[in-house]
């Protein structure tokens, strides 16, 4: 919310400045009257907030499309090319957002490595010597279920799924029965299509022996594992918000530069028409 408020304030700054500039220009025009001398051919015109101000050519930044492209690549560079001081604010937001993203991403990586190591050394050590890394869903299941359960209760022959529904594999087998059996508590014939479909569902999703885990005798470690996995998820979620701030800053700087270029070009066109009306040589 603070980041969004900062961006809104940044966008409103040029609008407030433009309003004040228009009020000042109107007062100057009223005092000068109809007999005000137009800029000669050595002057150029810049449009600031909709007001035409005669300035020496050397002090006017060119209003070109390159400023818009530069802002899209690096926020603030387009404003610098257009001679606007607010380029500093865009660059500051860009630096802040990327710094926060790197910090949050590193925190997420450290926490992920920590909970993976804890799971391997405590919950998985009794069941496998290899202990390959699991995917994101694997550790999410481990956070939800203290035990994975066995993959095959009786070795040899057909797979006998885990029956304890408080384990990860038992919950998967229950879901398979609820999905493919007419009554999850009454098994159909082993050679029936219903049983085969439920068994295939279980084989594709159940935890294999090399990934088996149990936190039964390690409650303190399990609590630490769950805290660490939540910390990792929060850090990665915050890093995505940081990227959102980067994207918003790029978009705001690009739109700001585009509007400035458009207004300045419109101002140049109107001044050229005024020269033609008075029968003078256009300033371009």
Protein backbone atom coordinates (compact mmCIF):
# COMPACT_ATOMS: atom_id res chain seq x y z
CA UNK A 1 0.00 0.00 0.00
CA UNK A 2 2.86 2.41 0.78
CA UNK A 3 4.48 1.64 -2.56
CA UNK A 4 1.20 2.31 -4.43
CA UNK A 5 0.68 5.59 -2.53
CA UNK A 6 4.20 6.68 -3.45
CA UNK A 7 3.57 6.01 -7.15
CA UNK A 8 0.27 7.93 -7.07
CA UNK A 9 1.96 10.89 -5.42
CA UNK A 10 4.74 10.74 -8.00
CA UNK A 11 2.21 10.79 -10.83
CA UNK A 12 0.26 13.66 -9.26
CA UNK A 13 3.36 15.85 -8.85
CA UNK A 14 3.61 16.94 -12.49
CA UNK A 15 -0.13 17.61 -12.56
CA UNK A 16 0.10 19.98 -9.60
CA UNK A 17 3.09 21.71 -11.15
CA UNK A 18 1.23 22.05 -14.43
CA UNK A 19 -1.76 23.67 -12.69
CA UNK A 20 0.44 26.20 -10.97
CA UNK A 21 2.28 26.90 -14.22
CA UNK A 22 -0.96 27.52 -16.11
CA UNK A 23 -2.13 29.99 -13.45
CA UNK A 24 1.17 31.88 -13.62
CA UNK A 25 1.18 31.97 -17.41
CA UNK A 26 -2.39 33.29 -17.48
CA UNK A 27 -1.44 36.16 -15.17
CA UNK A 28 1.60 37.06 -17.29
CA UNK A 29 -0.47 37.02 -20.46
CA UNK A 30 -3.11 39.28 -18.94
CA UNK A 31 -0.49 41.83 -17.87
CA UNK A 32 1.30 41.78 -21.21
CA UNK A 33 -1.88 42.44 -23.24
CA UNK A 34 -2.40 42.11 -26.95
CA UNK A 35 0.79 43.92 -27.86
CA UNK A 36 3.06 41.18 -26.44
CA UNK A 37 5.96 40.48 -28.78
CA UNK A 38 6.04 36.97 -30.23
CA UNK A 39 9.23 34.92 -30.01
CA UNK A 40 11.53 35.50 -32.94
CA UNK A 41 13.09 32.83 -35.11
CA UNK A 42 15.91 32.28 -32.62
CA UNK A 43 13.46 31.13 -29.95
CA UNK A 44 11.69 27.83 -29.47
CA UNK A 45 8.60 26.95 -27.54
CA UNK A 46 8.08 24.42 -24.78
CA UNK A 47 4.74 23.29 -23.47
CA UNK A 48 4.65 22.81 -19.70
CA UNK A 49 1.30 21.65 -18.39
CA UNK A 50 -0.47 23.15 -21.39
CA UNK A 51 1.21 26.62 -21.26
CA UNK A 52 3.49 28.03 -23.94
CA UNK A 53 6.68 29.59 -22.64
CA UNK A 54 9.32 31.12 -24.91
CA UNK A 55 12.75 29.77 -24.01
CA UNK A 56 16.13 29.86 -25.71
CA UNK A 57 16.74 26.89 -27.95
CA UNK A 58 19.74 25.70 -25.93
CA UNK A 59 17.54 25.19 -22.80
CA UNK A 60 14.79 23.14 -24.47
CA UNK A 61 15.09 19.33 -24.46
CA UNK A 62 13.88 17.74 -27.71
CA UNK A 63 10.47 16.06 -27.48
CA UNK A 64 11.17 12.86 -29.39
CA UNK A 65 9.97 9.28 -29.26
CA UNK A 66 13.39 8.23 -27.95
CA UNK A 67 12.41 9.65 -24.56
CA UNK A 68 9.39 7.32 -24.44
CA UNK A 69 11.48 4.29 -25.43
CA UNK A 70 14.18 5.19 -22.90
CA UNK A 71 11.59 5.38 -20.11
CA UNK A 72 10.27 1.94 -21.06
CA UNK A 73 13.79 0.49 -20.77
CA UNK A 74 14.87 2.34 -17.63
CA UNK A 75 12.36 4.54 -15.77
CA UNK A 76 13.55 8.11 -15.40
CA UNK A 77 15.86 8.22 -18.42
CA UNK A 78 13.11 9.62 -20.63
CA UNK A 79 12.39 12.34 -18.08
CA UNK A 80 16.12 13.14 -17.96
CA UNK A 81 16.20 13.48 -21.76
CA UNK A 82 13.20 15.81 -21.55
CA UNK A 83 14.91 17.95 -18.93
CA UNK A 84 12.56 17.04 -16.07
CA UNK A 85 13.88 16.82 -12.52
CA UNK A 86 11.48 14.05 -11.53
CA UNK A 87 13.69 11.49 -13.28
CA UNK A 88 15.39 11.17 -9.88
CA UNK A 89 12.18 9.86 -8.30
CA UNK A 90 11.68 7.22 -11.01
CA UNK A 91 15.28 6.03 -10.70
CA UNK A 92 14.97 5.90 -6.91
CA UNK A 93 11.81 3.76 -7.10
CA UNK A 94 13.50 1.45 -9.62
CA UNK A 95 16.55 0.97 -7.42
CA UNK A 96 14.42 0.41 -4.31
CA UNK A 97 12.14 -2.14 -6.02
CA UNK A 98 15.02 -4.22 -7.41
CA UNK A 99 16.87 -4.11 -4.09
CA UNK A 100 13.77 -5.35 -2.27
CA UNK A 101 13.22 -8.06 -4.90
CA UNK A 102 16.77 -9.39 -4.50
CA UNK A 103 16.48 -9.36 -0.72
CA UNK A 104 13.11 -11.16 -0.69
CA UNK A 105 14.21 -13.69 -3.32
CA UNK A 106 17.37 -14.51 -1.32
CA UNK A 107 15.29 -14.94 1.83
CA UNK A 108 12.97 -17.31 -0.01
CA UNK A 109 15.91 -19.35 -1.31
CA UNK A 110 17.54 -19.58 2.13
CA UNK A 111 14.29 -20.68 3.77
CA UNK A 112 13.64 -23.25 1.02
CA UNK A 113 17.10 -24.76 1.43
CA UNK A 114 16.56 -24.84 5.20
CA UNK A 115 13.25 -26.72 5.18
CA UNK A 116 14.49 -29.15 2.52
CA UNK A 117 17.57 -29.93 4.62
CA UNK A 118 15.49 -30.35 7.78
CA UNK A 119 13.09 -32.73 6.05
CA UNK A 120 15.93 -34.80 4.62
CA UNK A 121 17.90 -35.11 7.86
CA UNK A 122 14.97 -35.70 10.24
CA UNK A 123 11.78 -36.95 8.58
CA UNK A 124 13.20 -38.89 5.63
CA UNK A 125 16.46 -40.32 6.97
CA UNK A 126 14.98 -43.54 8.46
CA UNK A 127 13.44 -44.63 5.15
CA UNK A 128 15.92 -43.92 2.36
CA UNK A 129 19.63 -43.39 1.86
CA UNK A 130 19.28 -41.41 -1.40
CA UNK A 131 16.51 -38.93 -0.45
CA UNK A 132 16.10 -37.07 -3.78
CA UNK A 133 14.66 -33.56 -3.72
CA UNK A 134 10.91 -33.28 -4.13
CA UNK A 135 8.93 -30.68 -6.02
CA UNK A 136 6.93 -27.84 -4.48
CA UNK A 137 3.79 -29.97 -4.09
CA UNK A 138 5.76 -32.68 -2.28
CA UNK A 139 6.81 -30.33 0.52
CA UNK A 140 3.33 -28.82 0.66
CA UNK A 141 1.98 -32.31 1.36
CA UNK A 142 4.65 -32.81 3.99
CA UNK A 143 3.50 -29.62 5.69
CA UNK A 144 -0.08 -30.91 5.78
CA UNK A 145 0.52 -34.56 6.72
CA UNK A 146 2.93 -35.62 9.51
CA UNK A 147 3.39 -38.98 7.77
CA UNK A 148 3.45 -40.03 4.15
CA UNK A 149 2.37 -43.59 4.84
CA UNK A 150 3.59 -46.62 2.90
CA UNK A 151 3.28 -46.94 -0.84
CA UNK A 152 2.55 -50.67 -0.83
CA UNK A 153 1.41 -52.28 2.40
CA UNK A 154 2.13 -55.82 1.16
CA UNK A 155 5.08 -56.30 -1.17
CA UNK A 156 4.63 -58.60 -4.12
CA UNK A 157 1.63 -59.03 -6.37
CA UNK A 158 -0.91 -56.24 -6.68
CA UNK A 159 -0.30 -52.95 -4.88
CA UNK A 160 -2.00 -52.78 -1.52
CA UNK A 161 -2.51 -49.01 -0.94
CA UNK A 162 -2.13 -47.30 2.43
CA UNK A 163 -5.36 -47.53 4.41
CA UNK A 164 -4.63 -44.91 7.13
CA UNK A 165 -6.41 -41.78 5.89
CA UNK A 166 -4.43 -39.51 8.25
CA UNK A 167 -1.34 -40.09 6.08
CA UNK A 168 -0.68 -38.55 2.66
CA UNK A 169 -0.97 -41.86 0.79
CA UNK A 170 -4.04 -42.90 2.74
CA UNK A 171 -5.75 -39.62 1.82
CA UNK A 172 -4.90 -40.19 -1.85
CA UNK A 173 -6.32 -43.71 -1.77
CA UNK A 174 -9.50 -42.40 -0.14
CA UNK A 175 -9.86 -39.79 -2.88
CA UNK A 176 -9.35 -42.47 -5.53
CA UNK A 177 -12.06 -44.64 -3.99
CA UNK A 178 -14.47 -41.72 -3.70
CA UNK A 179 -13.83 -40.81 -7.33
CA UNK A 180 -14.13 -44.21 -9.03
CA UNK A 181 -16.08 -46.50 -6.69
CA UNK A 182 -19.81 -46.31 -6.20
CA UNK A 183 -19.19 -46.80 -2.46
CA UNK A 184 -15.68 -45.93 -1.18
CA UNK A 185 -16.09 -48.38 1.71
CA UNK A 186 -17.11 -51.38 -0.43
CA UNK A 187 -14.40 -52.44 -2.89
CA UNK A 188 -15.45 -53.77 -6.28
CA UNK A 189 -13.84 -56.84 -7.83
CA UNK A 190 -10.07 -56.51 -8.15
CA UNK A 191 -10.27 -57.15 -11.90
CA UNK A 192 -13.09 -54.62 -12.44
CA UNK A 193 -12.54 -51.34 -14.39
CA UNK A 194 -13.54 -49.34 -11.31
CA UNK A 195 -10.83 -50.88 -9.17
CA UNK A 196 -8.24 -50.55 -11.96
CA UNK A 197 -8.96 -46.84 -12.44
CA UNK A 198 -8.69 -46.17 -8.70
CA UNK A 199 -5.42 -48.12 -8.50
CA UNK A 200 -3.94 -46.16 -11.42
CA UNK A 201 -4.98 -42.91 -9.77
CA UNK A 202 -3.17 -43.99 -6.60
CA UNK A 203 0.01 -45.14 -8.38
CA UNK A 204 0.35 -41.83 -10.21
CA UNK A 205 -0.02 -39.63 -7.11
CA UNK A 206 1.11 -41.62 -4.07
CA UNK A 207 4.42 -41.02 -2.30
CA UNK A 208 7.04 -43.53 -3.44
CA UNK A 209 9.31 -45.37 -0.94
CA UNK A 210 12.34 -43.14 -1.65
CA UNK A 211 10.25 -40.06 -0.73
CA UNK A 212 8.64 -41.49 2.40
CA UNK A 213 8.66 -39.35 5.55
CA UNK A 214 7.50 -39.32 9.15
CA UNK A 215 7.58 -36.54 11.77
CA UNK A 216 5.99 -38.74 14.46
CA UNK A 217 8.91 -38.60 16.89
CA UNK A 218 10.14 -35.12 15.93
CA UNK A 219 7.38 -32.68 16.80
CA UNK A 220 9.68 -29.74 17.51
CA UNK A 221 11.48 -30.23 14.22
CA UNK A 222 8.15 -30.55 12.44
CA UNK A 223 6.97 -27.25 13.89
CA UNK A 224 10.19 -25.60 12.72
CA UNK A 225 9.77 -27.14 9.27
CA UNK A 226 6.26 -25.70 8.95
CA UNK A 227 7.37 -22.25 10.10
CA UNK A 228 10.25 -22.28 7.64
CA UNK A 229 8.15 -23.35 4.67
CA UNK A 230 5.66 -20.58 5.43
CA UNK A 231 8.50 -18.06 5.67
CA UNK A 232 9.78 -19.19 2.28
CA UNK A 233 6.34 -18.91 0.68
CA UNK A 234 5.83 -15.43 2.13
CA UNK A 235 9.23 -14.28 0.87
CA UNK A 236 8.54 -15.50 -2.67
CA UNK A 237 5.09 -13.91 -2.58
CA UNK A 238 6.61 -10.59 -1.53
CA UNK A 239 9.22 -10.83 -4.28
CA UNK A 240 6.38 -11.05 -6.82
CA UNK A 241 4.91 -7.87 -5.35
CA UNK A 242 8.32 -6.24 -5.77
CA UNK A 243 8.29 -7.20 -9.45
CA UNK A 244 4.84 -5.67 -9.69
CA UNK A 245 6.27 -2.39 -8.39
CA UNK A 246 9.03 -2.56 -11.03
CA UNK A 247 6.47 -3.07 -13.80
CA UNK A 248 4.27 -0.25 -12.49
CA UNK A 249 7.26 2.11 -12.33
CA UNK A 250 8.20 1.29 -15.94
CA UNK A 251 4.63 1.83 -17.10
CA UNK A 252 4.21 5.12 -15.21
CA UNK A 253 7.51 6.54 -16.47
CA UNK A 254 6.67 5.54 -20.04
CA UNK A 255 3.19 7.08 -19.92
CA UNK A 256 4.61 10.22 -18.30
CA UNK A 257 7.19 10.60 -21.07
CA UNK A 258 4.61 9.92 -23.79
CA UNK A 259 2.23 12.57 -22.42
CA UNK A 260 5.04 15.12 -22.12
CA UNK A 261 6.22 14.50 -25.70
CA UNK A 262 2.66 14.70 -27.01
CA UNK A 263 1.90 17.95 -25.20
CA UNK A 264 5.14 19.58 -26.30
CA UNK A 265 4.55 18.65 -29.92
CA UNK A 266 1.01 20.02 -29.74
CA UNK A 267 2.41 23.23 -28.27
CA UNK A 268 4.92 23.57 -31.13
CA UNK A 269 2.09 23.12 -33.68
CA UNK A 270 -0.08 25.80 -32.10
CA UNK A 271 2.77 28.30 -32.00
CA UNK A 272 3.54 27.63 -35.68
CA UNK A 273 -0.09 28.46 -36.53
CA UNK A 274 0.21 31.74 -34.60
CA UNK A 275 3.28 32.72 -36.61
CA UNK A 276 1.41 32.06 -39.86
CA UNK A 277 -1.53 34.21 -38.74
CA UNK A 278 0.73 37.17 -38.01
CA UNK A 279 2.56 36.71 -41.33
CA UNK A 280 5.94 35.96 -39.76
CA UNK A 281 8.49 33.26 -40.50
CA UNK A 282 7.77 30.02 -38.63
CA UNK A 283 10.26 29.29 -35.87
CA UNK A 284 11.01 25.82 -37.28
